[in-house]
Amino acid sequence: MALMKFIKDRFPEAIPLPGAIIYNAIPAKILREPEKRIAREVINRIESGILIDLGSGTGYLSIEIAKRAPNLKVYGIDLSKAMVRIATKHVQTAKNVQNVQFKLCNAAELPFEDDSIDFIVSTGSLHHWRKPVKVLNESYRVLKSGKEAWIYDGCPDIPEEEAGKVVKKYGSLRYWILRRLMALHGFRRQEYEGKIRNVLEQTKFRDSYKMEPTDFWMRIVAKKC
């Protein structure tokens, strides 16, 4: 099955209002601790310049990164009007966060100039993309030479030897919930090695990417050479 049909059959590309409200009420809160870890990883790599968060959802990751790196300009991009509204409300209530903005647009048609972006991050969005090759090529286009895109999506296949470490990080209950959440919203490891790798090989990143399992995520690190 082609990845595009696989995604279309399982996931909507833009989350509608009811789904956005439910996501904001439950999954977004469950994901806060894992996304804090991602925010720390990101700002260890970049503290100034321009960053895009593709599929920014309710805005938590974008805001967390912006808080921690005030010299970084952060743009949260989402195709869902409801998500952009929720994210904008969240940043309006956040204290001393002036460097983040949320935009309604399609990740396959980014409103940024060539070679203008210093970093791209995305969490839990890949499985919604109807045109993943186009999205990744757009990311390549807007990135500056030598800069990276970090694409995280769910991967519940945690090796037994790693499971204990993850339980220590998040606790048994959150571990149980997150593992099931990622099983519903993401890909199995064999799908990353098959469908996702096939997509990456069709993009301009084909000679400069790697896939790294981390907690409940698979992180794709794609570099513009």
N, C-alpha and C. Protein backbone atom coordinates (compact mmCIF):
# COMPACT_ATOMS: atom_id res chain seq x y z
N MET A 1 0.84 -1.20 0.00
CA MET A 1 0.00 0.00 0.00
C MET A 1 0.88 1.25 0.00
N ALA A 2 0.60 2.21 -0.87
CA ALA A 2 1.37 3.45 -0.91
C ALA A 2 1.17 4.22 0.38
N LEU A 3 2.21 4.94 0.82
CA LEU A 3 2.11 5.67 2.07
C LEU A 3 0.98 6.69 2.03
N MET A 4 0.79 7.38 0.90
CA MET A 4 -0.24 8.39 0.82
C MET A 4 -1.63 7.80 1.05
N LYS A 5 -1.90 6.62 0.45
CA LYS A 5 -3.19 5.96 0.67
C LYS A 5 -3.30 5.46 2.10
N PHE A 6 -2.19 4.96 2.63
CA PHE A 6 -2.14 4.48 4.01
C PHE A 6 -2.52 5.61 4.97
N ILE A 7 -1.95 6.78 4.76
CA ILE A 7 -2.26 7.94 5.60
C ILE A 7 -3.71 8.38 5.40
N LYS A 8 -4.16 8.47 4.15
CA LYS A 8 -5.51 8.93 3.86
C LYS A 8 -6.55 8.03 4.50
N ASP A 9 -6.28 6.72 4.50
CA ASP A 9 -7.24 5.77 5.06
C ASP A 9 -7.30 5.82 6.58
N ARG A 10 -6.21 6.29 7.22
CA ARG A 10 -6.15 6.24 8.69
C ARG A 10 -6.31 7.59 9.37
N PHE A 11 -5.84 8.68 8.75
CA PHE A 11 -5.75 9.94 9.46
C PHE A 11 -6.26 11.10 8.59
N PRO A 12 -6.97 12.10 9.19
CA PRO A 12 -7.27 13.33 8.46
C PRO A 12 -6.02 14.19 8.37
N GLU A 13 -5.89 14.98 7.30
CA GLU A 13 -4.70 15.83 7.18
C GLU A 13 -4.79 17.03 8.10
N ALA A 14 -5.95 17.68 8.14
CA ALA A 14 -6.17 18.80 9.06
C ALA A 14 -7.18 18.37 10.11
N ILE A 15 -6.82 18.48 11.37
CA ILE A 15 -7.71 18.03 12.44
C ILE A 15 -8.87 19.01 12.58
N PRO A 16 -10.13 18.54 12.49
CA PRO A 16 -11.29 19.43 12.60
C PRO A 16 -11.50 19.90 14.03
N LEU A 17 -12.44 20.84 14.22
CA LEU A 17 -12.66 21.47 15.53
C LEU A 17 -12.91 20.48 16.66
N PRO A 18 -13.84 19.51 16.51
CA PRO A 18 -14.06 18.58 17.63
C PRO A 18 -12.79 17.83 18.02
N GLY A 19 -12.05 17.37 17.01
CA GLY A 19 -10.81 16.65 17.29
C GLY A 19 -9.78 17.54 17.96
N ALA A 20 -9.71 18.81 17.54
CA ALA A 20 -8.75 19.74 18.13
C ALA A 20 -9.07 19.99 19.60
N ILE A 21 -10.34 20.10 19.93
CA ILE A 21 -10.75 20.32 21.32
C ILE A 21 -10.39 19.11 22.18
N ILE A 22 -10.69 17.91 21.65
CA ILE A 22 -10.36 16.69 22.39
C ILE A 22 -8.85 16.56 22.56
N TYR A 23 -8.11 16.84 21.49
CA TYR A 23 -6.65 16.74 21.55
C TYR A 23 -6.09 17.70 22.59
N ASN A 24 -6.62 18.91 22.62
CA ASN A 24 -6.14 19.92 23.57
C ASN A 24 -6.45 19.51 25.01
N ALA A 25 -7.57 18.80 25.20
CA ALA A 25 -8.00 18.43 26.54
C ALA A 25 -7.23 17.24 27.11
N ILE A 26 -6.84 16.28 26.23
CA ILE A 26 -6.26 15.05 26.77
C ILE A 26 -4.86 14.75 26.20
N PRO A 27 -4.75 14.34 24.90
CA PRO A 27 -3.43 13.93 24.41
C PRO A 27 -2.36 15.00 24.53
N ALA A 28 -2.71 16.27 24.27
CA ALA A 28 -1.71 17.34 24.34
C ALA A 28 -1.09 17.43 25.73
N LYS A 29 -1.91 17.22 26.75
CA LYS A 29 -1.40 17.28 28.13
C LYS A 29 -0.52 16.08 28.44
N ILE A 30 -0.90 14.90 27.93
CA ILE A 30 -0.10 13.69 28.16
C ILE A 30 1.27 13.83 27.49
N LEU A 31 1.30 14.52 26.36
CA LEU A 31 2.55 14.65 25.60
C LEU A 31 3.46 15.77 26.10
N ARG A 32 3.03 16.52 27.09
CA ARG A 32 3.82 17.68 27.51
C ARG A 32 5.21 17.31 28.02
N GLU A 33 5.29 16.28 28.83
CA GLU A 33 6.60 15.91 29.37
C GLU A 33 7.54 15.42 28.26
N PRO A 34 7.08 14.51 27.36
CA PRO A 34 7.94 14.14 26.23
C PRO A 34 8.33 15.33 25.36
N GLU A 35 7.41 16.29 25.16
CA GLU A 35 7.73 17.43 24.32
C GLU A 35 8.68 18.40 25.02
N LYS A 36 8.67 18.44 26.34
CA LYS A 36 9.69 19.22 27.05
C LYS A 36 11.09 18.67 26.76
N ARG A 37 11.18 17.35 26.73
CA ARG A 37 12.47 16.73 26.43
C ARG A 37 12.91 17.09 25.02
N ILE A 38 11.96 17.09 24.08
CA ILE A 38 12.30 17.46 22.70
C ILE A 38 12.73 18.92 22.65
N ALA A 39 12.02 19.80 23.37
CA ALA A 39 12.39 21.22 23.39
C ALA A 39 13.82 21.39 23.88
N ARG A 40 14.19 20.64 24.92
CA ARG A 40 15.56 20.74 25.44
C ARG A 40 16.58 20.26 24.40
N GLU A 41 16.24 19.18 23.70
CA GLU A 41 17.13 18.67 22.66
C GLU A 41 17.32 19.70 21.55
N VAL A 42 16.22 20.35 21.18
CA VAL A 42 16.27 21.34 20.09
C VAL A 42 17.14 22.52 20.47
N ILE A 43 16.93 23.09 21.65
CA ILE A 43 17.69 24.31 22.00
C ILE A 43 19.13 24.00 22.36
N ASN A 44 19.44 22.73 22.59
CA ASN A 44 20.85 22.36 22.70
C ASN A 44 21.55 22.43 21.34
N ARG A 45 20.74 22.44 20.29
CA ARG A 45 21.27 22.50 18.93
C ARG A 45 21.21 23.91 18.34
N ILE A 46 20.19 24.67 18.71
CA ILE A 46 20.02 26.02 18.13
C ILE A 46 19.37 26.94 19.15
N GLU A 47 19.91 28.16 19.30
CA GLU A 47 19.37 29.12 20.25
C GLU A 47 19.03 30.46 19.61
N SER A 48 19.39 30.63 18.34
CA SER A 48 19.04 31.87 17.64
C SER A 48 18.79 31.55 16.17
N GLY A 49 18.14 32.50 15.48
CA GLY A 49 17.79 32.28 14.09
C GLY A 49 16.29 32.09 13.93
N ILE A 50 15.89 31.32 12.91
CA ILE A 50 14.48 31.10 12.62
C ILE A 50 14.19 29.61 12.61
N LEU A 51 13.17 29.21 13.35
CA LEU A 51 12.76 27.82 13.44
C LEU A 51 11.31 27.67 13.02
N ILE A 52 11.01 26.61 12.29
CA ILE A 52 9.62 26.27 11.94
C ILE A 52 9.24 24.99 12.66
N ASP A 53 8.06 25.00 13.27
CA ASP A 53 7.47 23.80 13.85
C ASP A 53 6.33 23.36 12.92
N LEU A 54 6.57 22.30 12.15
CA LEU A 54 5.57 21.82 11.19
C LEU A 54 4.51 20.99 11.90
N GLY A 55 3.24 21.35 11.68
CA GLY A 55 2.16 20.65 12.36
C GLY A 55 2.19 20.96 13.84
N SER A 56 2.17 22.25 14.16
CA SER A 56 2.40 22.70 15.55
C SER A 56 1.24 22.42 16.48
N GLY A 57 0.08 22.03 15.96
CA GLY A 57 -1.04 21.64 16.81
C GLY A 57 -1.44 22.72 17.79
N THR A 58 -1.58 22.34 19.06
CA THR A 58 -2.01 23.29 20.08
C THR A 58 -0.89 24.23 20.52
N GLY A 59 0.30 24.08 19.95
CA GLY A 59 1.36 25.07 20.13
C GLY A 59 2.29 24.84 21.30
N TYR A 60 2.11 23.75 22.04
CA TYR A 60 2.91 23.59 23.26
C TYR A 60 4.40 23.53 22.97
N LEU A 61 4.80 22.72 21.99
CA LEU A 61 6.24 22.59 21.69
C LEU A 61 6.82 23.91 21.21
N SER A 62 6.12 24.59 20.31
CA SER A 62 6.60 25.88 19.80
C SER A 62 6.82 26.87 20.95
N ILE A 63 5.85 26.94 21.86
CA ILE A 63 5.93 27.88 22.97
C ILE A 63 7.05 27.50 23.92
N GLU A 64 7.19 26.19 24.18
CA GLU A 64 8.25 25.72 25.08
C GLU A 64 9.63 26.05 24.52
N ILE A 65 9.80 25.87 23.20
CA ILE A 65 11.08 26.21 22.58
C ILE A 65 11.32 27.72 22.66
N ALA A 66 10.29 28.50 22.35
CA ALA A 66 10.42 29.96 22.37
C ALA A 66 10.77 30.48 23.76
N LYS A 67 10.17 29.90 24.80
CA LYS A 67 10.48 30.29 26.18
C LYS A 67 11.95 30.09 26.49
N ARG A 68 12.48 28.97 26.04
CA ARG A 68 13.82 28.57 26.41
C ARG A 68 14.88 29.25 25.54
N ALA A 69 14.49 29.78 24.39
CA ALA A 69 15.45 30.41 23.48
C ALA A 69 14.87 31.74 22.98
N PRO A 70 14.93 32.80 23.78
CA PRO A 70 14.32 34.08 23.42
C PRO A 70 14.91 34.74 22.17
N ASN A 71 16.10 34.33 21.75
CA ASN A 71 16.71 34.89 20.54
C ASN A 71 16.35 34.11 19.29
N LEU A 72 15.48 33.12 19.45
CA LEU A 72 15.03 32.30 18.34
C LEU A 72 13.63 32.73 17.92
N LYS A 73 13.43 32.98 16.63
CA LYS A 73 12.11 33.30 16.12
C LYS A 73 11.43 31.99 15.72
N VAL A 74 10.28 31.71 16.32
CA VAL A 74 9.61 30.43 16.11
C VAL A 74 8.29 30.65 15.37
N TYR A 75 8.10 29.89 14.29
CA TYR A 75 6.84 29.88 13.55
C TYR A 75 6.20 28.50 13.67
N GLY A 76 5.00 28.48 14.24
CA GLY A 76 4.22 27.24 14.28
C GLY A 76 3.30 27.19 13.09
N ILE A 77 3.38 26.12 12.31
CA ILE A 77 2.63 25.97 11.07
C ILE A 77 1.62 24.83 11.23
N ASP A 78 0.36 25.09 10.91
CA ASP A 78 -0.63 24.02 10.97
C ASP A 78 -1.71 24.26 9.92
N LEU A 79 -2.27 23.14 9.43
CA LEU A 79 -3.31 23.19 8.41
C LEU A 79 -4.70 23.29 9.01
N SER A 80 -4.81 23.10 10.33
CA SER A 80 -6.10 23.14 11.02
C SER A 80 -6.36 24.53 11.60
N LYS A 81 -7.45 25.16 11.17
CA LYS A 81 -7.82 26.47 11.71
C LYS A 81 -8.04 26.38 13.22
N ALA A 82 -8.67 25.29 13.66
CA ALA A 82 -8.96 25.13 15.08
C ALA A 82 -7.67 25.06 15.88
N MET A 83 -6.70 24.31 15.39
CA MET A 83 -5.43 24.19 16.10
C MET A 83 -4.71 25.53 16.17
N VAL A 84 -4.71 26.28 15.09
CA VAL A 84 -4.05 27.59 15.07
C VAL A 84 -4.72 28.54 16.08
N ARG A 85 -6.05 28.50 16.16
CA ARG A 85 -6.75 29.34 17.14
C ARG A 85 -6.38 28.96 18.57
N ILE A 86 -6.36 27.66 18.84
CA ILE A 86 -6.01 27.20 20.19
C ILE A 86 -4.58 27.59 20.53
N ALA A 87 -3.64 27.37 19.59
CA ALA A 87 -2.24 27.70 19.84
C ALA A 87 -2.06 29.19 20.08
N THR A 88 -2.77 30.01 19.31
CA THR A 88 -2.67 31.47 19.47
C THR A 88 -3.18 31.90 20.85
N LYS A 89 -4.26 31.28 21.32
CA LYS A 89 -4.76 31.58 22.67
C LYS A 89 -3.74 31.18 23.72
N HIS A 90 -3.09 30.03 23.50
CA HIS A 90 -2.09 29.59 24.47
C HIS A 90 -0.92 30.56 24.58
N VAL A 91 -0.45 31.07 23.43
CA VAL A 91 0.69 31.98 23.49
C VAL A 91 0.28 33.33 24.07
N GLN A 92 -0.98 33.71 23.91
CA GLN A 92 -1.45 34.97 24.48
C GLN A 92 -1.49 34.92 26.01
N THR A 93 -1.68 33.72 26.55
CA THR A 93 -1.73 33.58 28.01
C THR A 93 -0.36 33.21 28.60
N ALA A 94 0.60 32.88 27.75
CA ALA A 94 1.95 32.55 28.24
C ALA A 94 2.66 33.83 28.67
N LYS A 95 3.52 33.72 29.67
CA LYS A 95 4.22 34.89 30.20
C LYS A 95 5.53 35.12 29.46
N ASN A 96 5.73 36.36 29.02
CA ASN A 96 7.01 36.80 28.45
C ASN A 96 7.45 35.96 27.26
N VAL A 97 6.50 35.62 26.40
CA VAL A 97 6.83 34.89 25.17
C VAL A 97 6.43 35.78 23.99
N GLN A 98 7.43 36.44 23.40
CA GLN A 98 7.18 37.38 22.31
C GLN A 98 7.69 36.86 20.97
N ASN A 99 8.35 35.71 20.96
CA ASN A 99 9.09 35.28 19.78
C ASN A 99 8.49 34.05 19.09
N VAL A 100 7.18 33.88 19.21
CA VAL A 100 6.52 32.77 18.53
C VAL A 100 5.24 33.27 17.86
N GLN A 101 4.99 32.76 16.68
CA GLN A 101 3.80 33.14 15.91
C GLN A 101 3.24 31.90 15.23
N PHE A 102 1.92 31.79 15.18
CA PHE A 102 1.28 30.63 14.57
C PHE A 102 0.61 31.03 13.26
N LYS A 103 0.81 30.20 12.24
CA LYS A 103 0.31 30.50 10.90
C LYS A 103 -0.53 29.33 10.38
N LEU A 104 -1.61 29.67 9.71
CA LEU A 104 -2.43 28.67 9.03
C LEU A 104 -1.89 28.50 7.62
N CYS A 105 -1.29 27.36 7.35
CA CYS A 105 -0.82 27.09 5.99
C CYS A 105 -0.49 25.61 5.85
N ASN A 106 -0.27 25.20 4.62
CA ASN A 106 0.03 23.82 4.28
C ASN A 106 1.54 23.62 4.29
N ALA A 107 2.01 22.59 4.98
CA ALA A 107 3.45 22.33 5.03
C ALA A 107 4.01 21.98 3.66
N ALA A 108 3.14 21.63 2.71
CA ALA A 108 3.59 21.34 1.35
C ALA A 108 3.78 22.61 0.52
N GLU A 109 3.41 23.78 1.09
CA GLU A 109 3.56 25.06 0.40
C GLU A 109 3.97 26.11 1.42
N LEU A 110 5.18 26.03 1.91
CA LEU A 110 5.62 26.90 2.99
C LEU A 110 5.82 28.34 2.52
N PRO A 111 5.34 29.32 3.30
CA PRO A 111 5.44 30.74 2.92
C PRO A 111 6.76 31.37 3.34
N PHE A 112 7.86 30.70 3.02
CA PHE A 112 9.19 31.20 3.38
C PHE A 112 10.09 31.14 2.15
N GLU A 113 11.08 32.03 2.12
CA GLU A 113 11.99 32.08 0.98
C GLU A 113 12.99 30.92 1.01
N ASP A 114 13.59 30.66 -0.13
CA ASP A 114 14.63 29.64 -0.22
C ASP A 114 15.78 29.98 0.74
N ASP A 115 16.36 28.96 1.35
CA ASP A 115 17.57 29.12 2.17
C ASP A 115 17.42 30.18 3.26
N SER A 116 16.26 30.18 3.94
CA SER A 116 15.99 31.23 4.93
C SER A 116 15.80 30.71 6.35
N ILE A 117 15.73 29.40 6.53
CA ILE A 117 15.35 28.82 7.82
C ILE A 117 16.54 28.07 8.44
N ASP A 118 16.69 28.23 9.76
CA ASP A 118 17.84 27.64 10.45
C ASP A 118 17.55 26.26 11.03
N PHE A 119 16.28 25.95 11.25
CA PHE A 119 15.95 24.65 11.85
C PHE A 119 14.46 24.37 11.63
N ILE A 120 14.15 23.09 11.44
CA ILE A 120 12.76 22.64 11.34
C ILE A 120 12.57 21.49 12.31
N VAL A 121 11.45 21.54 13.05
CA VAL A 121 11.09 20.43 13.91
C VAL A 121 9.63 20.07 13.65
N SER A 122 9.29 18.83 13.85
CA SER A 122 7.91 18.38 13.71
C SER A 122 7.69 17.20 14.63
N THR A 123 6.58 17.20 15.37
CA THR A 123 6.26 16.09 16.25
C THR A 123 4.84 15.61 15.98
N GLY A 124 4.70 14.33 15.71
CA GLY A 124 3.38 13.73 15.55
C GLY A 124 2.59 14.26 14.37
N SER A 125 3.28 14.70 13.34
CA SER A 125 2.61 15.28 12.17
C SER A 125 2.79 14.44 10.92
N LEU A 126 3.90 13.75 10.82
CA LEU A 126 4.23 12.99 9.61
C LEU A 126 3.09 12.06 9.19
N HIS A 127 2.45 11.41 10.15
CA HIS A 127 1.40 10.44 9.78
C HIS A 127 0.14 11.11 9.24
N HIS A 128 0.08 12.44 9.28
CA HIS A 128 -1.04 13.17 8.68
C HIS A 128 -0.75 13.67 7.26
N TRP A 129 0.52 13.68 6.86
CA TRP A 129 0.88 14.31 5.59
C TRP A 129 0.40 13.49 4.40
N ARG A 130 -0.43 14.12 3.56
CA ARG A 130 -0.92 13.45 2.35
C ARG A 130 0.14 13.45 1.25
N LYS A 131 1.03 14.45 1.29
CA LYS A 131 2.08 14.57 0.28
C LYS A 131 3.44 14.66 0.98
N PRO A 132 3.87 13.56 1.60
CA PRO A 132 5.10 13.64 2.40
C PRO A 132 6.35 14.00 1.60
N VAL A 133 6.43 13.54 0.36
CA VAL A 133 7.61 13.89 -0.46
C VAL A 133 7.64 15.39 -0.69
N LYS A 134 6.50 15.97 -1.00
CA LYS A 134 6.44 17.42 -1.24
C LYS A 134 6.75 18.21 0.03
N VAL A 135 6.23 17.76 1.17
CA VAL A 135 6.52 18.45 2.43
C VAL A 135 8.02 18.43 2.73
N LEU A 136 8.63 17.27 2.56
CA LEU A 136 10.06 17.15 2.84
C LEU A 136 10.89 17.97 1.85
N ASN A 137 10.48 18.00 0.59
CA ASN A 137 11.21 18.82 -0.38
C ASN A 137 11.02 20.31 -0.11
N GLU A 138 9.86 20.71 0.40
CA GLU A 138 9.66 22.10 0.81
C GLU A 138 10.57 22.43 2.00
N SER A 139 10.69 21.50 2.92
CA SER A 139 11.60 21.70 4.05
C SER A 139 13.03 21.87 3.56
N TYR A 140 13.42 21.06 2.62
CA TYR A 140 14.77 21.16 2.03
C TYR A 140 14.95 22.54 1.38
N ARG A 141 13.94 22.99 0.65
CA ARG A 141 14.03 24.27 -0.07
C ARG A 141 14.27 25.43 0.89
N VAL A 142 13.52 25.48 2.00
CA VAL A 142 13.60 26.66 2.86
C VAL A 142 14.78 26.61 3.83
N LEU A 143 15.31 25.43 4.11
CA LEU A 143 16.45 25.33 5.02
C LEU A 143 17.71 25.95 4.41
N LYS A 144 18.50 26.56 5.27
CA LYS A 144 19.82 27.00 4.84
C LYS A 144 20.73 25.78 4.67
N SER A 145 21.76 25.95 3.87
CA SER A 145 22.72 24.86 3.66
C SER A 145 23.36 24.45 4.99
N GLY A 146 23.43 23.13 5.22
CA GLY A 146 24.03 22.61 6.43
C GLY A 146 23.08 22.52 7.61
N LYS A 147 21.85 23.00 7.46
CA LYS A 147 20.87 22.98 8.56
C LYS A 147 20.00 21.72 8.48
N GLU A 148 19.28 21.45 9.58
CA GLU A 148 18.58 20.17 9.72
C GLU A 148 17.09 20.32 9.99
N ALA A 149 16.36 19.28 9.61
CA ALA A 149 14.97 19.09 10.00
C ALA A 149 14.92 17.85 10.88
N TRP A 150 14.28 17.97 12.05
CA TRP A 150 14.07 16.83 12.94
C TRP A 150 12.59 16.49 12.92
N ILE A 151 12.26 15.36 12.36
CA ILE A 151 10.88 14.93 12.21
C ILE A 151 10.63 13.78 13.17
N TYR A 152 9.81 14.03 14.20
CA TYR A 152 9.46 13.00 15.18
C TYR A 152 8.05 12.49 14.89
N ASP A 153 7.89 11.17 14.93
CA ASP A 153 6.54 10.62 14.90
C ASP A 153 6.51 9.36 15.76
N GLY A 154 5.31 8.94 16.09
CA GLY A 154 5.15 7.84 17.02
C GLY A 154 5.79 6.54 16.55
N CYS A 155 6.38 5.81 17.50
CA CYS A 155 6.94 4.48 17.24
C CYS A 155 6.84 3.69 18.54
N PRO A 156 5.78 2.89 18.70
CA PRO A 156 5.54 2.21 19.97
C PRO A 156 6.41 0.98 20.20
N ASP A 157 7.19 0.57 19.19
CA ASP A 157 7.99 -0.66 19.31
C ASP A 157 9.24 -0.42 20.14
N ILE A 158 9.08 -0.32 21.44
CA ILE A 158 10.22 -0.07 22.32
C ILE A 158 10.84 -1.41 22.71
N PRO A 159 12.13 -1.59 22.46
CA PRO A 159 12.78 -2.84 22.88
C PRO A 159 12.65 -3.03 24.39
N GLU A 160 12.53 -4.27 24.80
CA GLU A 160 12.34 -4.58 26.22
C GLU A 160 13.42 -3.97 27.10
N GLU A 161 14.67 -3.96 26.59
CA GLU A 161 15.77 -3.43 27.40
C GLU A 161 15.66 -1.92 27.61
N GLU A 162 14.89 -1.24 26.74
CA GLU A 162 14.71 0.21 26.87
C GLU A 162 13.46 0.57 27.66
N ALA A 163 12.51 -0.37 27.74
CA ALA A 163 11.21 -0.06 28.35
C ALA A 163 11.36 0.40 29.80
N GLY A 164 12.25 -0.26 30.56
CA GLY A 164 12.45 0.13 31.96
C GLY A 164 12.94 1.56 32.10
N LYS A 165 13.83 1.97 31.21
CA LYS A 165 14.34 3.34 31.25
C LYS A 165 13.22 4.35 30.99
N VAL A 166 12.34 4.01 30.04
CA VAL A 166 11.24 4.92 29.70
C VAL A 166 10.25 5.01 30.85
N VAL A 167 9.99 3.88 31.53
CA VAL A 167 9.10 3.89 32.69
C VAL A 167 9.66 4.81 33.77
N LYS A 168 10.98 4.78 33.98
CA LYS A 168 11.60 5.64 34.98
C LYS A 168 11.44 7.12 34.63
N LYS A 169 11.49 7.43 33.32
CA LYS A 169 11.35 8.83 32.89
C LYS A 169 9.94 9.36 33.13
N TYR A 170 8.92 8.54 32.79
CA TYR A 170 7.56 9.06 32.74
C TYR A 170 6.59 8.43 33.73
N GLY A 171 7.00 7.36 34.39
CA GLY A 171 6.09 6.65 35.29
C GLY A 171 5.29 5.59 34.55
N SER A 172 4.81 4.59 35.28
CA SER A 172 4.15 3.44 34.66
C SER A 172 2.87 3.82 33.93
N LEU A 173 2.04 4.67 34.54
CA LEU A 173 0.76 5.01 33.92
C LEU A 173 0.96 5.79 32.63
N ARG A 174 1.83 6.81 32.68
CA ARG A 174 2.05 7.60 31.47
C ARG A 174 2.73 6.76 30.39
N TYR A 175 3.62 5.86 30.81
CA TYR A 175 4.24 4.94 29.85
C TYR A 175 3.17 4.13 29.13
N TRP A 176 2.23 3.57 29.87
CA TRP A 176 1.16 2.74 29.30
C TRP A 176 0.31 3.57 28.32
N ILE A 177 -0.06 4.79 28.75
CA ILE A 177 -0.91 5.63 27.90
C ILE A 177 -0.16 6.06 26.64
N LEU A 178 1.09 6.50 26.81
CA LEU A 178 1.88 6.98 25.67
C LEU A 178 2.12 5.88 24.65
N ARG A 179 2.39 4.69 25.13
CA ARG A 179 2.65 3.58 24.20
C ARG A 179 1.43 3.30 23.34
N ARG A 180 0.25 3.35 23.94
CA ARG A 180 -0.97 3.12 23.17
C ARG A 180 -1.32 4.29 22.27
N LEU A 181 -1.04 5.50 22.75
CA LEU A 181 -1.27 6.68 21.93
C LEU A 181 -0.40 6.65 20.68
N MET A 182 0.86 6.27 20.84
CA MET A 182 1.78 6.22 19.70
C MET A 182 1.43 5.07 18.75
N ALA A 183 0.83 4.02 19.29
CA ALA A 183 0.39 2.92 18.42
C ALA A 183 -0.73 3.37 17.50
N LEU A 184 -1.55 4.31 17.98
CA LEU A 184 -2.67 4.81 17.18
C LEU A 184 -2.24 5.95 16.26
N HIS A 185 -1.21 6.70 16.65
CA HIS A 185 -0.79 7.88 15.91
C HIS A 185 0.70 7.81 15.60
N GLY A 186 1.04 7.02 14.63
CA GLY A 186 2.43 6.86 14.24
C GLY A 186 2.59 5.63 13.37
N PHE A 187 3.78 5.05 13.38
CA PHE A 187 4.09 3.91 12.54
C PHE A 187 4.88 2.88 13.34
N ARG A 188 4.74 1.64 12.98
CA ARG A 188 5.58 0.58 13.52
C ARG A 188 6.98 0.69 12.92
N ARG A 189 7.95 0.09 13.62
CA ARG A 189 9.33 0.20 13.16
C ARG A 189 9.50 -0.35 11.73
N GLN A 190 8.81 -1.44 11.42
CA GLN A 190 8.93 -2.01 10.08
C GLN A 190 8.37 -1.07 9.02
N GLU A 191 7.39 -0.23 9.40
CA GLU A 191 6.86 0.76 8.47
C GLU A 191 7.86 1.88 8.23
N TYR A 192 8.59 2.26 9.26
CA TYR A 192 9.66 3.25 9.05
C TYR A 192 10.73 2.69 8.12
N GLU A 193 11.09 1.44 8.33
CA GLU A 193 12.12 0.84 7.49
C GLU A 193 11.65 0.58 6.07
N GLY A 194 10.34 0.49 5.88
CA GLY A 194 9.79 0.25 4.55
C GLY A 194 9.21 1.50 3.93
N LYS A 195 7.96 1.83 4.28
CA LYS A 195 7.24 2.95 3.66
C LYS A 195 7.95 4.29 3.85
N ILE A 196 8.37 4.58 5.09
CA ILE A 196 8.96 5.90 5.35
C ILE A 196 10.33 6.03 4.68
N ARG A 197 11.13 5.00 4.74
CA ARG A 197 12.43 5.06 4.07
C ARG A 197 12.25 5.25 2.57
N ASN A 198 11.25 4.58 2.00
CA ASN A 198 10.97 4.73 0.56
C ASN A 198 10.61 6.18 0.23
N VAL A 199 9.83 6.82 1.10
CA VAL A 199 9.49 8.24 0.90
C VAL A 199 10.75 9.10 0.95
N LEU A 200 11.57 8.90 1.96
CA LEU A 200 12.79 9.70 2.12
C LEU A 200 13.72 9.56 0.92
N GLU A 201 13.77 8.37 0.35
CA GLU A 201 14.63 8.13 -0.81
C GLU A 201 14.15 8.87 -2.06
N GLN A 202 12.90 9.34 -2.04
CA GLN A 202 12.36 10.09 -3.17
C GLN A 202 12.56 11.60 -3.01
N THR A 203 13.14 12.03 -1.88
CA THR A 203 13.28 13.45 -1.59
C THR A 203 14.72 13.93 -1.81
N LYS A 204 14.91 15.22 -1.71
CA LYS A 204 16.24 15.80 -1.85
C LYS A 204 17.12 15.50 -0.63
N PHE A 205 16.53 14.95 0.43
CA PHE A 205 17.29 14.53 1.60
C PHE A 205 17.84 13.11 1.46
N ARG A 206 17.63 12.48 0.32
CA ARG A 206 17.87 11.03 0.20
C ARG A 206 19.29 10.61 0.55
N ASP A 207 20.25 11.50 0.41
CA ASP A 207 21.64 11.14 0.71
C ASP A 207 22.12 11.65 2.07
N SER A 208 21.20 12.24 2.85
CA SER A 208 21.64 12.88 4.09
C SER A 208 20.56 12.81 5.18
N TYR A 209 20.14 11.61 5.50
CA TYR A 209 19.18 11.45 6.59
C TYR A 209 19.51 10.20 7.39
N LYS A 210 18.98 10.17 8.60
CA LYS A 210 19.09 8.97 9.43
C LYS A 210 17.85 8.88 10.31
N MET A 211 17.52 7.68 10.74
CA MET A 211 16.38 7.45 11.62
C MET A 211 16.89 6.93 12.96
N GLU A 212 16.42 7.57 14.05
CA GLU A 212 16.89 7.24 15.39
C GLU A 212 15.70 7.01 16.32
N PRO A 213 15.51 5.80 16.85
CA PRO A 213 14.45 5.60 17.85
C PRO A 213 14.81 6.30 19.15
N THR A 214 13.83 7.00 19.74
CA THR A 214 14.05 7.69 21.01
C THR A 214 12.75 7.70 21.78
N ASP A 215 12.73 7.05 22.94
CA ASP A 215 11.51 6.88 23.73
C ASP A 215 10.40 6.26 22.85
N PHE A 216 9.26 6.97 22.76
CA PHE A 216 8.14 6.48 21.96
C PHE A 216 8.17 7.03 20.53
N TRP A 217 9.22 7.74 20.20
CA TRP A 217 9.30 8.40 18.90
C TRP A 217 10.32 7.70 18.00
N MET A 218 10.15 7.92 16.71
CA MET A 218 11.24 7.73 15.76
C MET A 218 11.62 9.14 15.32
N ARG A 219 12.88 9.49 15.46
CA ARG A 219 13.34 10.80 15.01
C ARG A 219 14.07 10.65 13.69
N ILE A 220 13.60 11.36 12.68
CA ILE A 220 14.27 11.41 11.39
C ILE A 220 15.07 12.71 11.36
N VAL A 221 16.37 12.59 11.25
CA VAL A 221 17.25 13.77 11.15
C VAL A 221 17.65 13.90 9.68
N ALA A 222 17.16 14.96 9.04
CA ALA A 222 17.41 15.17 7.61
C ALA A 222 18.18 16.48 7.44
N LYS A 223 19.32 16.42 6.81
CA LYS A 223 20.22 17.57 6.68
C LYS A 223 20.30 18.05 5.24
N LYS A 224 20.25 19.38 5.08
CA LYS A 224 20.44 19.95 3.75
C LYS A 224 21.93 20.15 3.49
N CYS A 225 22.46 19.42 2.54
CA CYS A 225 23.89 19.51 2.25
C CYS A 225 24.20 20.63 1.27
